[in-house]
Protein backbone atom coordinates (compact mmCIF):
# COMPACT_ATOMS: atom_id res chain seq x y z
CA MET A 1 11.40 -45.43 2.05
CA LYS A 2 10.33 -43.79 -1.11
CA ILE A 3 6.76 -42.22 -1.45
CA ARG A 4 4.51 -44.72 -3.32
CA ILE A 5 3.29 -42.35 -5.81
CA LEU A 6 7.05 -41.97 -6.95
CA LYS A 7 7.23 -45.46 -7.47
CA ASN A 8 5.89 -44.91 -11.20
CA PRO A 9 8.75 -44.07 -13.37
CA VAL A 10 7.26 -41.52 -15.45
CA THR A 11 6.16 -39.73 -12.21
CA ARG A 12 9.85 -40.09 -10.79
CA LYS A 13 11.37 -38.79 -14.11
CA ARG A 14 8.81 -35.47 -13.91
CA PHE A 15 9.65 -34.95 -10.35
CA LEU A 16 13.32 -35.24 -10.82
CA ARG A 17 12.79 -32.75 -13.74
CA PHE A 18 10.75 -29.89 -11.81
CA LYS A 19 13.52 -30.64 -9.01
CA SER A 20 16.53 -29.68 -11.18
CA MET A 21 15.02 -26.37 -11.92
CA LYS A 22 16.19 -24.92 -8.77
CA ARG A 23 13.98 -21.66 -9.04
CA ALA A 24 10.86 -23.51 -9.14
CA TYR A 25 11.76 -26.15 -6.55
CA LEU A 26 13.11 -23.25 -4.23
CA SER A 27 9.79 -21.36 -4.83
CA LEU A 28 8.00 -24.26 -3.77
CA TRP A 29 9.54 -24.52 -0.49
CA ILE A 30 9.27 -21.31 0.23
CA ILE A 31 5.50 -21.11 -0.34
CA CYS A 32 5.19 -24.20 1.66
CA ILE A 33 7.02 -22.99 4.40
CA LEU A 34 5.40 -19.81 4.49
CA TYR A 35 2.01 -21.02 4.29
CA GLY A 36 3.14 -23.69 7.14
CA LEU A 37 4.01 -20.91 9.35
CA SER A 38 0.98 -18.58 8.80
CA LEU A 39 -1.02 -21.70 10.00
CA PHE A 40 0.31 -20.94 13.35
CA SER A 41 -0.17 -17.17 12.97
CA GLU A 42 -1.46 -17.23 16.61
CA VAL A 43 1.95 -18.02 18.20
CA ILE A 44 3.71 -15.98 16.12
CA CYS A 45 1.69 -12.54 16.47
CA SER A 46 -1.13 -12.25 19.06
CA ASN A 47 -1.97 -9.92 22.13
CA VAL A 48 -2.88 -13.44 24.08
CA PRO A 49 0.64 -14.80 26.04
CA LEU A 50 1.80 -17.95 24.98
CA TYR A 51 2.52 -18.87 28.73
CA VAL A 52 1.65 -17.59 32.09
CA LYS A 53 3.01 -18.45 35.34
CA TYR A 54 0.98 -17.10 38.18
CA ASN A 55 0.88 -18.26 41.71
CA GLY A 56 3.05 -21.71 40.95
CA ARG A 57 0.20 -22.77 38.16
CA SER A 58 0.99 -22.64 34.75
CA TYR A 59 -1.59 -21.43 31.93
CA PHE A 60 -1.83 -21.46 28.30
CA PRO A 61 -4.16 -18.91 26.99
CA VAL A 62 -2.95 -19.24 23.13
CA ILE A 63 -4.81 -22.69 23.68
CA THR A 64 -7.32 -22.48 26.17
CA TYR A 65 -9.61 -19.40 27.35
CA TYR A 66 -9.22 -18.39 30.90
CA SER A 67 -11.51 -15.84 32.46
CA GLU A 68 -10.28 -12.49 34.17
CA ASN A 69 -11.53 -14.04 37.36
CA GLU A 70 -8.98 -16.67 37.28
CA PHE A 71 -6.05 -13.96 37.72
CA THR A 72 -8.07 -11.24 39.63
CA GLY A 73 -10.67 -12.90 41.77
CA THR A 74 -12.79 -10.14 40.70
CA GLY A 75 -15.57 -12.53 39.55
CA ARG A 76 -15.86 -11.27 35.84
CA GLN A 77 -16.19 -14.17 33.21
CA THR A 78 -14.46 -11.76 30.36
CA ARG A 79 -11.47 -12.17 28.55
CA PRO A 80 -8.52 -10.21 30.59
CA ASN A 81 -6.36 -7.68 29.27
CA TYR A 82 -3.21 -9.47 29.32
CA ARG A 83 -0.82 -6.22 28.73
CA LEU A 84 -2.59 -4.44 31.61
CA LEU A 85 -2.30 -7.67 34.01
CA ASN A 86 1.53 -7.90 33.05
CA ILE A 87 2.03 -4.54 34.83
CA SER A 88 -0.48 -4.99 37.51
CA GLU A 89 0.84 -5.52 40.95
CA PRO A 90 0.89 -9.46 41.41
CA PHE A 91 3.16 -9.70 38.01
CA ALA A 92 5.20 -6.48 38.73
CA GLU A 93 6.35 -7.09 42.10
CA ASN A 94 6.50 -10.89 42.26
CA PRO A 95 9.37 -12.20 39.74
CA ASP A 96 7.42 -15.78 40.02
CA ASN A 97 4.70 -14.64 38.07
CA PHE A 98 5.48 -14.01 34.48
CA MET A 99 4.11 -14.07 31.11
CA ILE A 100 5.76 -14.72 27.66
CA PHE A 101 4.17 -13.01 24.81
CA PRO A 102 4.62 -14.05 21.12
CA LEU A 103 7.46 -12.78 19.01
CA ILE A 104 4.62 -9.99 17.71
CA PRO A 105 2.53 -9.25 20.39
CA PHE A 106 -0.39 -7.56 18.63
CA SER A 107 -3.49 -9.09 17.10
CA PRO A 108 -4.56 -8.13 13.38
CA PHE A 109 -8.02 -6.99 15.04
CA GLU A 110 -6.49 -4.78 17.95
CA SER A 111 -6.31 -1.17 17.90
CA ILE A 112 -3.07 0.33 19.40
CA ASP A 113 -3.27 2.77 21.93
CA PRO A 114 -1.77 5.83 20.77
CA ARG A 115 -0.29 6.23 24.26
CA ALA A 116 1.79 3.31 23.88
CA ILE A 117 3.81 4.82 21.04
CA ALA A 118 7.02 6.44 22.15
CA ILE A 119 7.41 10.04 20.29
CA PRO A 120 9.92 12.65 21.20
CA ASP A 121 8.29 15.33 23.24
CA GLU A 122 9.42 18.17 21.85
CA VAL A 123 8.35 21.20 19.22
CA GLU A 124 9.92 21.99 16.17
CA LEU A 125 10.21 25.58 15.11
CA LYS A 126 10.67 25.84 11.54
CA LEU A 127 11.69 29.31 9.91
CA THR A 128 11.03 29.16 6.03
CA ARG A 129 12.25 32.03 4.03
CA VAL A 130 9.51 33.93 2.14
CA PRO A 131 10.18 35.45 -0.96
CA GLN A 132 10.11 39.74 -1.47
CA ILE A 133 7.24 40.69 -3.77
CA GLY A 134 7.14 44.21 -5.22
CA THR A 135 5.74 46.14 -8.17
CA VAL A 136 6.62 48.84 -10.51
CA ASP A 137 4.45 50.88 -12.90
CA ILE A 138 6.41 52.09 -16.03
CA LEU A 139 5.76 54.14 -18.95
CA GLN A 140 6.39 53.13 -22.37
CA ASP A 141 9.67 54.42 -22.05
CA PHE A 142 10.50 52.20 -19.11
CA THR A 143 10.44 55.35 -16.94
CA ILE A 144 9.37 54.35 -13.25
CA VAL A 145 6.17 56.44 -12.02
CA ARG A 146 5.16 54.53 -9.36
CA THR A 147 6.54 51.82 -6.93
CA GLN A 148 5.42 49.72 -4.03
CA SER A 149 7.22 47.15 -1.66
CA ILE A 150 10.28 47.48 -3.85
CA ASP A 151 13.26 48.78 -1.72
CA PHE A 152 14.43 45.18 -1.30
CA PHE A 153 15.32 45.23 -5.09
CA PHE A 154 16.78 48.69 -5.79
CA ASN A 155 18.62 49.40 -2.36
CA GLU A 156 17.32 53.03 -2.80
CA PRO A 157 14.10 54.72 -1.33
CA LYS A 158 11.21 54.76 -3.35
CA ASN A 159 10.34 58.37 -3.63
CA VAL A 160 14.17 58.26 -5.45
CA LEU A 161 13.20 55.85 -7.93
CA ASN A 162 10.03 57.98 -9.58
CA GLY A 163 11.42 59.32 -12.77
CA GLU A 164 14.31 57.06 -13.43
CA ASN A 165 14.56 54.49 -15.89
CA LEU A 166 13.93 50.72 -15.10
CA GLU A 167 16.73 49.58 -17.55
CA LYS A 168 19.22 51.76 -15.10
CA TYR A 169 18.87 48.91 -12.40
CA PHE A 170 18.22 45.79 -14.72
CA SER A 171 19.44 44.35 -17.67
CA MET A 172 16.19 43.78 -19.60
CA PRO A 173 15.90 41.05 -22.02
CA ASP A 174 14.15 41.55 -25.29
CA SER A 175 11.53 38.95 -24.67
CA ILE A 176 10.13 41.17 -22.08
CA LYS A 177 10.51 44.46 -23.72
CA GLU A 178 8.27 42.83 -26.72
CA SER A 179 5.69 41.72 -24.02
CA ILE A 180 5.64 45.39 -22.75
CA ALA A 181 5.43 46.63 -26.24
CA VAL A 182 2.55 44.39 -26.91
CA ARG A 183 0.59 45.71 -24.05
CA PHE A 184 1.19 49.51 -24.88
CA ALA A 185 -0.20 48.38 -28.17
CA ASN A 186 -3.49 47.56 -26.50
CA GLN A 187 -3.27 44.04 -27.82
CA GLY A 188 -4.20 40.92 -25.69
CA ALA A 189 -1.26 38.86 -24.12
CA PHE A 190 -1.44 36.18 -21.40
CA PHE A 191 0.40 36.04 -18.20
CA SER A 192 4.16 35.77 -18.75
CA GLU A 193 7.33 35.63 -16.62
CA PHE A 194 10.66 36.46 -17.21
CA THR A 195 13.96 36.01 -15.04
CA ILE A 196 16.03 39.33 -15.30
CA GLN A 197 19.25 40.16 -13.46
CA ASP A 198 20.36 43.44 -11.84
CA HIS A 199 23.61 45.07 -12.18
CA SER A 200 25.06 42.93 -9.33
CA GLY A 201 24.10 39.59 -11.25
CA ASN A 202 21.35 38.67 -9.01
CA ASN A 203 18.38 37.06 -10.58
CA ILE A 204 15.04 38.48 -10.15
CA LEU A 205 11.68 36.75 -11.55
CA ALA A 206 9.66 39.73 -13.37
CA SER A 207 6.04 38.83 -14.60
CA LEU A 208 3.55 40.56 -16.51
CA ALA A 209 -0.19 40.03 -15.59
CA THR A 210 -2.71 38.89 -18.47
CA PHE A 211 -3.90 41.70 -20.54
CA ARG A 212 -7.13 42.64 -22.47
CA PRO A 213 -7.53 45.07 -25.24
CA ARG A 214 -9.38 48.07 -23.62
CA LYS A 215 -11.01 51.32 -25.52
CA LYS A 216 -8.05 53.13 -25.19
CA PRO A 217 -4.15 51.87 -25.11
CA PRO A 218 -2.97 51.97 -21.24
CA GLY A 219 -0.72 54.59 -20.32
CA LYS A 220 1.40 52.99 -17.97
CA ILE A 221 1.97 48.98 -17.35
CA ARG A 222 2.72 47.19 -14.12
CA VAL A 223 5.72 44.79 -13.54
CA THR A 224 5.72 42.69 -10.41
CA PHE A 225 9.22 41.60 -9.12
CA LYS A 226 9.73 38.30 -7.16
CA GLU A 227 12.98 37.17 -5.28
CA ILE A 228 14.35 33.92 -6.51
CA ILE A 229 15.18 31.70 -3.35
CA SER A 230 18.00 29.19 -4.24
CA SER A 231 17.89 25.61 -3.01
CA SER A 232 20.86 26.68 -1.16
CA SER A 233 18.94 28.33 1.37
CA PRO A 234 16.55 25.88 2.83
CA SER A 235 14.25 26.20 5.64
CA GLU A 236 15.56 25.92 9.24
CA SER A 237 14.34 23.76 12.08
CA ILE A 238 14.94 24.18 15.44
CA LYS A 239 13.88 21.89 18.13
CA PHE A 240 12.42 22.63 21.91
CA ASP A 241 12.20 20.21 24.67
CA ARG A 242 9.82 21.12 27.74
CA SER A 243 12.52 23.05 29.32
CA LEU A 244 12.28 25.45 26.25
CA LYS A 245 15.97 25.65 25.41
CA PRO A 246 16.64 25.45 21.63
CA ASP A 247 18.52 22.69 20.07
CA SER A 248 21.02 24.95 17.77
CA ASN A 249 24.45 25.40 17.02
CA GLY A 250 26.21 28.60 17.05
CA ASN A 251 25.45 29.33 13.42
CA SER A 252 21.92 28.80 13.61
CA ILE A 253 19.58 31.63 12.46
CA TRP A 254 18.13 31.78 15.93
CA TYR A 255 20.92 33.82 16.93
CA GLN A 256 20.22 36.36 14.48
CA ILE A 257 16.57 36.96 15.91
CA THR A 258 16.15 40.00 18.66
CA GLU A 259 15.63 39.06 21.88
CA ASP A 260 11.83 40.41 21.91
CA GLU A 261 11.06 38.40 18.86
CA LYS A 262 12.80 35.24 20.49
CA GLN A 263 10.52 35.65 23.49
CA VAL A 264 7.35 35.83 21.37
CA LEU A 265 8.39 32.35 19.48
CA ILE A 266 9.44 30.61 22.73
CA ASN A 267 5.86 31.65 23.92
CA TYR A 268 4.37 30.14 20.75
CA VAL A 269 6.32 27.12 21.52
CA GLN A 270 5.04 26.55 25.20
CA ALA A 271 1.55 27.28 23.67
CA ARG A 272 2.22 24.42 21.02
CA PHE A 273 3.00 21.79 23.75
CA LYS A 274 -0.72 22.29 25.00
CA HIS A 275 -2.57 23.03 21.50
CA SER A 276 -2.14 23.87 18.01
CA VAL A 277 -1.01 27.34 17.05
CA GLU A 278 -0.84 29.49 14.09
CA ASN A 279 2.04 30.75 11.96
CA TYR A 280 3.76 33.52 12.64
CA PRO A 281 5.67 35.98 10.39
CA ILE A 282 8.94 37.37 11.63
CA LEU A 283 11.61 39.78 9.87
CA ILE A 284 14.98 38.17 10.41
CA ASP A 285 17.87 40.12 9.03
CA HIS A 286 15.58 42.27 6.84
CA ARG A 287 14.26 39.33 5.44
CA GLN A 288 10.75 37.96 5.86
CA HIS A 289 10.18 34.35 7.29
CA VAL A 290 7.34 32.27 8.28
CA ALA A 291 7.63 30.54 11.72
CA SER A 292 5.74 27.08 12.04
CA PHE A 293 5.33 25.36 15.10
CA ASN A 294 4.95 21.70 14.75
CA LYS A 295 4.62 18.74 17.15
CA GLU A 296 4.69 15.10 16.50
CA GLU A 297 1.16 13.13 17.52
CA VAL A 298 0.02 10.05 16.66
CA ARG A 299 -2.55 9.88 14.39
CA PHE A 300 -3.45 6.72 12.55
CA PRO A 301 -2.27 5.66 10.05
CA TYR A 302 1.28 5.83 11.75
CA PRO A 303 4.74 5.39 9.75
CA PRO A 304 6.84 2.39 11.03
CA VAL A 305 8.36 2.54 14.46
CA LYS A 306 10.77 0.09 16.76
CA ASP A 307 7.42 -1.96 17.86
CA HIS A 308 5.74 -1.61 14.62
CA LEU A 309 8.14 -2.49 11.92
CA MET A 310 5.70 -2.09 8.97
CA GLY A 311 3.39 0.65 10.46
CA ILE A 312 0.11 1.05 11.46
CA ASP A 313 -3.16 1.35 9.54
CA GLY A 314 -5.93 3.65 9.74
CA ALA A 315 -7.71 1.72 12.72
CA GLY A 316 -4.86 1.66 14.63
CA ARG A 317 -3.91 -2.12 14.16
CA ASP A 318 -0.22 -3.62 13.15
CA VAL A 319 0.48 -3.78 9.42
CA LEU A 320 2.76 -6.68 10.02
CA ALA A 321 0.29 -8.89 11.73
CA ARG A 322 -2.60 -8.11 9.40
CA ILE A 323 -0.19 -9.27 6.42
CA ILE A 324 0.81 -12.55 8.26
CA TYR A 325 -2.89 -13.54 9.10
CA GLY A 326 -3.76 -12.37 5.32
CA LEU A 327 -1.22 -14.74 4.17
CA ARG A 328 -2.91 -17.33 5.60
CA ILE A 329 -6.42 -16.37 4.41
CA SER A 330 -5.36 -15.67 1.07
CA LEU A 331 -3.34 -19.22 0.56
CA THR A 332 -6.22 -21.01 2.30
CA PHE A 333 -8.85 -19.25 0.12
CA GLY A 334 -6.89 -19.95 -2.90
CA LEU A 335 -6.37 -23.79 -2.27
CA MET A 336 -9.92 -24.15 -1.41
CA LEU A 337 -11.12 -22.36 -4.54
CA VAL A 338 -8.86 -24.25 -6.65
CA GLY A 339 -9.37 -27.70 -5.25
CA CYS A 340 -13.25 -27.29 -5.33
CA SER A 341 -13.06 -25.41 -8.72
CA MET A 342 -11.02 -28.39 -10.21
CA LEU A 343 -13.14 -31.10 -8.69
CA ILE A 344 -16.29 -29.73 -10.41
CA GLY A 345 -14.63 -28.94 -13.65
CA VAL A 346 -13.04 -32.51 -13.69
CA MET A 347 -16.50 -34.35 -13.23
CA ALA A 348 -17.76 -31.83 -15.55
CA GLY A 349 -15.38 -32.20 -18.32
CA ALA A 350 -15.00 -36.15 -17.60
CA VAL A 351 -19.01 -36.92 -18.32
CA GLN A 352 -18.88 -34.75 -21.25
CA GLY A 353 -15.98 -36.26 -22.77
CA TYR A 354 -16.59 -39.91 -22.29
CA TYR A 355 -20.48 -39.94 -23.27
CA ALA A 356 -20.28 -37.16 -25.94
CA GLY A 357 -22.80 -36.90 -28.52
CA LYS A 358 -25.85 -35.28 -27.61
CA LEU A 359 -25.25 -35.25 -23.86
CA ASP A 360 -21.88 -33.17 -24.71
CA ILE A 361 -23.30 -30.65 -27.09
CA THR A 362 -26.23 -30.09 -24.41
CA ALA A 363 -23.85 -29.50 -21.59
CA GLN A 364 -21.94 -27.50 -23.41
CA ARG A 365 -24.23 -25.12 -24.40
CA LEU A 366 -25.62 -24.93 -20.75
CA ILE A 367 -21.97 -24.20 -19.66
CA GLU A 368 -21.58 -21.66 -22.27
CA ILE A 369 -24.83 -19.69 -20.69
CA TRP A 370 -23.80 -20.09 -17.29
CA SER A 371 -20.38 -18.42 -17.99
CA ALA A 372 -21.83 -15.46 -19.49
CA LEU A 373 -23.46 -14.44 -16.19
CA PRO A 374 -21.71 -11.51 -14.89
CA PHE A 375 -19.91 -12.69 -11.78
CA LEU A 376 -19.37 -9.62 -10.05
CA TYR A 377 -22.77 -8.61 -10.07
CA VAL A 378 -23.88 -11.83 -8.81
CA MET A 379 -21.46 -11.50 -5.63
CA ILE A 380 -22.84 -8.00 -5.10
CA LEU A 381 -26.64 -9.63 -5.16
CA MET A 382 -25.51 -12.53 -3.22
CA GLY A 383 -23.57 -10.21 -0.57
CA SER A 384 -26.35 -7.69 -0.15
CA ILE A 385 -28.73 -10.56 0.57
CA TYR A 386 -26.88 -12.87 2.65
CA GLY A 387 -23.91 -10.88 3.70
CA ARG A 388 -19.94 -11.11 3.27
CA SER A 389 -18.46 -13.89 4.37
CA PHE A 390 -15.60 -16.34 3.79
CA SER A 391 -18.06 -19.59 2.85
CA LEU A 392 -20.11 -17.06 0.60
CA LEU A 393 -17.50 -15.51 -1.55
CA LEU A 394 -16.00 -19.41 -1.76
CA ILE A 395 -19.24 -20.81 -3.47
CA CYS A 396 -20.08 -17.64 -5.38
CA TYR A 397 -16.37 -17.89 -6.87
CA GLY A 398 -16.49 -21.41 -7.19
CA LEU A 399 -19.60 -21.59 -9.31
CA PHE A 400 -17.99 -19.84 -11.72
CA ASN A 401 -14.25 -20.52 -11.61
CA TRP A 402 -14.66 -24.55 -12.79
CA VAL A 403 -15.80 -23.58 -16.41
CA GLY A 404 -12.13 -23.16 -17.62
CA ILE A 405 -10.89 -26.53 -16.63
CA SER A 406 -13.93 -28.40 -17.98
CA TYR A 407 -12.69 -27.68 -21.13
CA TYR A 408 -9.32 -28.79 -20.82
CA ILE A 409 -10.67 -32.14 -19.26
CA ARG A 410 -13.26 -32.50 -21.88
CA ALA A 411 -10.87 -32.50 -24.74
CA GLU A 412 -8.50 -35.01 -22.94
CA PHE A 413 -11.42 -37.54 -22.68
CA LEU A 414 -12.53 -36.80 -26.22
CA SER A 415 -9.00 -37.72 -27.39
CA LEU A 416 -8.65 -40.52 -25.07
CA ARG A 417 -12.07 -42.23 -25.25
CA LYS A 418 -11.26 -44.30 -28.31
CA ARG A 419 -8.00 -45.28 -27.44
CA PRO A 420 -6.89 -49.20 -27.70
CA PHE A 421 -6.84 -49.32 -23.83
CA VAL A 422 -10.04 -48.19 -22.98
CA GLU A 423 -11.67 -50.41 -25.78
CA ALA A 424 -10.44 -52.93 -24.14
CA ALA A 425 -11.96 -52.24 -20.68
CA LYS A 426 -15.16 -51.70 -21.97
CA CYS A 427 -14.92 -55.13 -24.00
CA MET A 428 -13.92 -56.73 -20.77
CA GLY A 429 -17.50 -55.56 -19.16
CA VAL A 430 -16.00 -53.04 -16.98
CA PRO A 431 -18.11 -50.23 -15.60
CA SER A 432 -18.42 -46.93 -16.85
CA TYR A 433 -17.42 -45.10 -13.70
CA LYS A 434 -14.38 -47.06 -13.46
CA ILE A 435 -13.06 -46.58 -16.89
CA ILE A 436 -13.61 -43.02 -16.04
CA PHE A 437 -11.63 -42.65 -12.88
CA LYS A 438 -9.25 -45.45 -13.04
CA HIS A 439 -8.12 -45.52 -16.80
CA ILE A 440 -8.74 -42.35 -18.50
CA LEU A 441 -8.62 -39.61 -15.47
CA PRO A 442 -4.78 -40.60 -14.73
CA ASN A 443 -3.70 -39.74 -18.22
CA ALA A 444 -5.96 -36.77 -18.50
CA MET A 445 -4.71 -35.05 -15.09
CA VAL A 446 -1.75 -33.39 -17.25
CA PRO A 447 -3.84 -29.97 -17.35
CA VAL A 448 -4.88 -30.13 -13.85
CA ILE A 449 -1.58 -30.44 -12.32
CA THR A 450 -0.09 -28.03 -14.77
CA PHE A 451 -2.44 -25.43 -14.27
CA PHE A 452 -2.84 -25.73 -10.57
CA PRO A 453 -0.31 -23.28 -9.36
CA PHE A 454 -1.67 -20.55 -12.18
CA PHE A 455 -5.13 -21.15 -11.23
CA LEU A 456 -3.76 -20.45 -7.37
CA VAL A 457 -1.89 -17.57 -8.31
CA GLY A 458 -5.07 -16.16 -10.03
CA ALA A 459 -7.51 -17.08 -6.83
CA ILE A 460 -5.25 -15.32 -4.53
CA GLY A 461 -4.95 -11.87 -6.81
CA SER A 462 -9.11 -12.21 -7.19
CA LEU A 463 -9.48 -12.37 -3.65
CA ALA A 464 -7.24 -9.06 -3.39
CA ALA A 465 -8.90 -7.16 -5.93
CA LEU A 466 -12.64 -8.11 -4.46
CA ASP A 467 -11.15 -6.85 -0.91
CA TYR A 468 -9.82 -3.72 -2.67
CA LEU A 469 -13.34 -3.24 -4.39
CA GLY A 470 -15.36 -3.95 -1.08
CA PHE A 471 -17.17 -7.10 -2.39
CA GLY A 472 -14.53 -9.58 -0.61
CA LEU A 473 -14.20 -10.65 2.87
CA PRO A 474 -16.39 -8.60 5.42
CA PRO A 475 -14.19 -6.35 7.87
CA PRO A 476 -12.41 -6.37 10.05
CA THR A 477 -10.59 -9.76 8.63
CA PRO A 478 -7.10 -9.23 7.57
CA SER A 479 -6.58 -8.85 4.07
CA TRP A 480 -3.91 -7.56 1.54
CA GLY A 481 -6.78 -5.97 -0.71
CA GLU A 482 -8.24 -4.23 2.03
CA LEU A 483 -5.01 -2.80 3.24
CA LEU A 484 -4.54 -1.71 -0.39
CA PHE A 485 -7.83 0.18 -0.36
CA GLN A 486 -6.77 1.94 2.76
CA ALA A 487 -3.54 2.99 0.91
CA GLN A 488 -5.98 4.50 -1.69
CA GLN A 489 -7.47 6.76 1.09
CA TYR A 490 -4.27 7.79 2.57
CA ARG A 491 -1.97 8.29 -0.24
CA TRP A 492 0.77 9.67 1.78
CA ALA A 493 0.82 6.39 3.76
CA TRP A 494 3.56 4.69 2.01
CA TRP A 495 3.76 1.73 4.28
CA LEU A 496 0.23 0.68 3.37
CA ILE A 497 1.14 0.70 -0.50
CA LEU A 498 4.71 -0.83 0.15
CA TYR A 499 4.34 -3.86 2.59
CA PRO A 500 1.03 -5.24 1.25
CA SER A 501 1.73 -4.81 -2.64
CA LEU A 502 5.19 -6.57 -1.69
CA ALA A 503 3.52 -9.55 -0.10
CA LEU A 504 1.21 -10.08 -2.62
CA PHE A 505 3.87 -9.65 -5.30
CA THR A 506 5.99 -12.01 -3.74
CA VAL A 507 3.29 -14.85 -3.24
CA MET A 508 2.08 -14.11 -6.86
CA LEU A 509 5.77 -14.75 -8.31
CA LEU A 510 6.65 -17.87 -6.39
CA GLY A 511 3.33 -19.32 -7.31
CA VAL A 512 4.23 -18.39 -11.43
CA PHE A 513 7.72 -19.69 -10.51
CA VAL A 514 6.41 -23.17 -9.53
CA GLY A 515 3.80 -23.17 -12.55
CA GLU A 516 6.68 -22.51 -14.81
CA GLY A 517 8.65 -25.34 -13.38
CA VAL A 518 5.63 -27.73 -13.33
CA ARG A 519 4.91 -26.86 -16.62
CA ASN A 520 8.18 -27.73 -17.91
CA ALA A 521 8.28 -31.09 -16.06
CA TYR A 522 5.37 -32.41 -17.87
CA ASP A 523 6.88 -31.09 -21.33
CA PRO A 524 7.90 -34.20 -23.27
CA LYS A 525 10.68 -31.82 -24.62
CA GLN A 526 12.87 -30.74 -21.82
CA TYR A 527 14.46 -28.16 -23.63
CA SER A 528 12.47 -26.17 -26.22
CA ARG A 529 12.17 -22.46 -27.41
CA LEU A 530 9.97 -20.79 -29.69
CA GLN A 531 11.19 -20.31 -32.96
C-alpha cells in the first residue's frame, strides 16, 4: 500500500529523483538511524542495568525506579549503586542473582572512579643524554688563554691548552672568524651560532654572545662549545615493577652504570612508587645524563583505554556516552528549532504576501527592526535572568531564526496571489484562510522543504557554538560544544578534539548531502550546471 502523499504524481516524481541520488538517500537513512538509536540512549549507555534477577524476581531498573531497600533491606529509599551491588555477597555468591548492563555501562553524568581504570603498576626510569658545554677565551690571533669544562671537546688537560691556537684543534669557517673580528673591532653584534668540526670530523656547535661596543676594545673573546647530540642517540627507558627488577636487554645502558649508582637509582624508583621524586643527574661512560622517574597515574582527562574507547573528559565522564547523548540533544534541538521557526516564518510570510499593501510594508519594517537586535546579547541577558536551560535557548533562538524563511514565503505568496486559481477561489467566495492554507501554501512549500536540511545543519552548528562559548545548555548537559570547550582547556587531550569534532562534522556533512539531494529533486532541470 503506497503512502498517500506519494499518490501525487509530481511528489512521486520528486521522491524518485531524490532516491536516485544515492549519496543523499543513504545520508538520510544514516541520520534517521543514528537519531533513532540516540532516542534509546539509556538502553545503549547507562550505569543502570537493563535487567536484574534477584531472589527469583525480575527487575527492570532502566524503566522503573527501585530503591536500595529493594535489594539490601537497609530501609534506604535512595537509588542503589548497581555496580557495588553487583559485586556484593548476594550477587557474587549466588549465580541465580545477576545483572545485565547496557553495551556501554557508563552514564554521561557519572564520574569514573580512578581506581576502576587498570594501569600498569610500574615505574619508568628514563635516561636522557645531556649535551656537554664548555667555554674558551681566545685572543685576536685565536690563542687560547682560558678554558672551562672543555676537556670533552679537546681530549687534553686544560693546563696544556693554554697558549695553543684554537685552529689547531678545529676547522674554523670564515663566518665565525668574521664574527670574532667584528667583536675585537669593538663593533656591536648579535648572538650567533656556527657549526664547526674537529679534526676527527665531529660536528660541534660554537656560539658567540651578544656584544655591545665598549670604551676600549676587548682583549679576549669567549667562545661557547656545545655538543650536538644526534637523533640516533635517543633517551633510553627502563621499566621496574614492584620487585625492582629492570626490564632491559643485555645491550642496555643500564649495564654501563656502576653498582653504586644503580643502587641510588633503584632507591629513587622505590620512592617513586610512593610519591614524586626529583630528577637525578648521573655520569654514564663519561657522558652526562639526567635520570627521570615516571609512573603513570590516572588524572582526568584520560586517554582512551579498553573500557572507555573515546577516553574520559576533564570531569571523569565517558566521552563516548556524552557524544551519544549529545547526538540526541543536538538533533532534537535542531528539529524543534527548525520546526518552530518555519511555522512562525510561514505564517508571517503568508499573511504578508497574501494581503500585501500597507500590511506588508508595515510588517516588513517591523521584521527588519526585530532582526537587527543582537541575538547573542539577548541570549546572555535572558540567561543571566532566568538561567540557562533547553527551553529558554529554544525560545530565544526561535524568536530570531524565523525571519529568513518568512522572506521566501512572502515572495512566493506575492507571486501566487494573482494567479488564476486564486482569483477563481475568491470569486467562488472561498474564505481567505482556506485560500492561504489550502490553495496557495501547498504551492509555496518548495523553499520550506529545500531549506529544511540546511536550516537543521545550521541549528546543530549554532548549538555547538553556543555551548562552546558558554551560553548554551547548562552543565552537566551532554554537548559536543562543551567537549570542544574542554579541548581548549586541555590542548594535549587529543581525544577531546578528535571525537566531538568528528561527530559534529559527520552529522553536518550528512545533513548537507540530504539538503543537496532535496534541492536537486525539486529542481525542474534534473541536470544543470553553472556556465
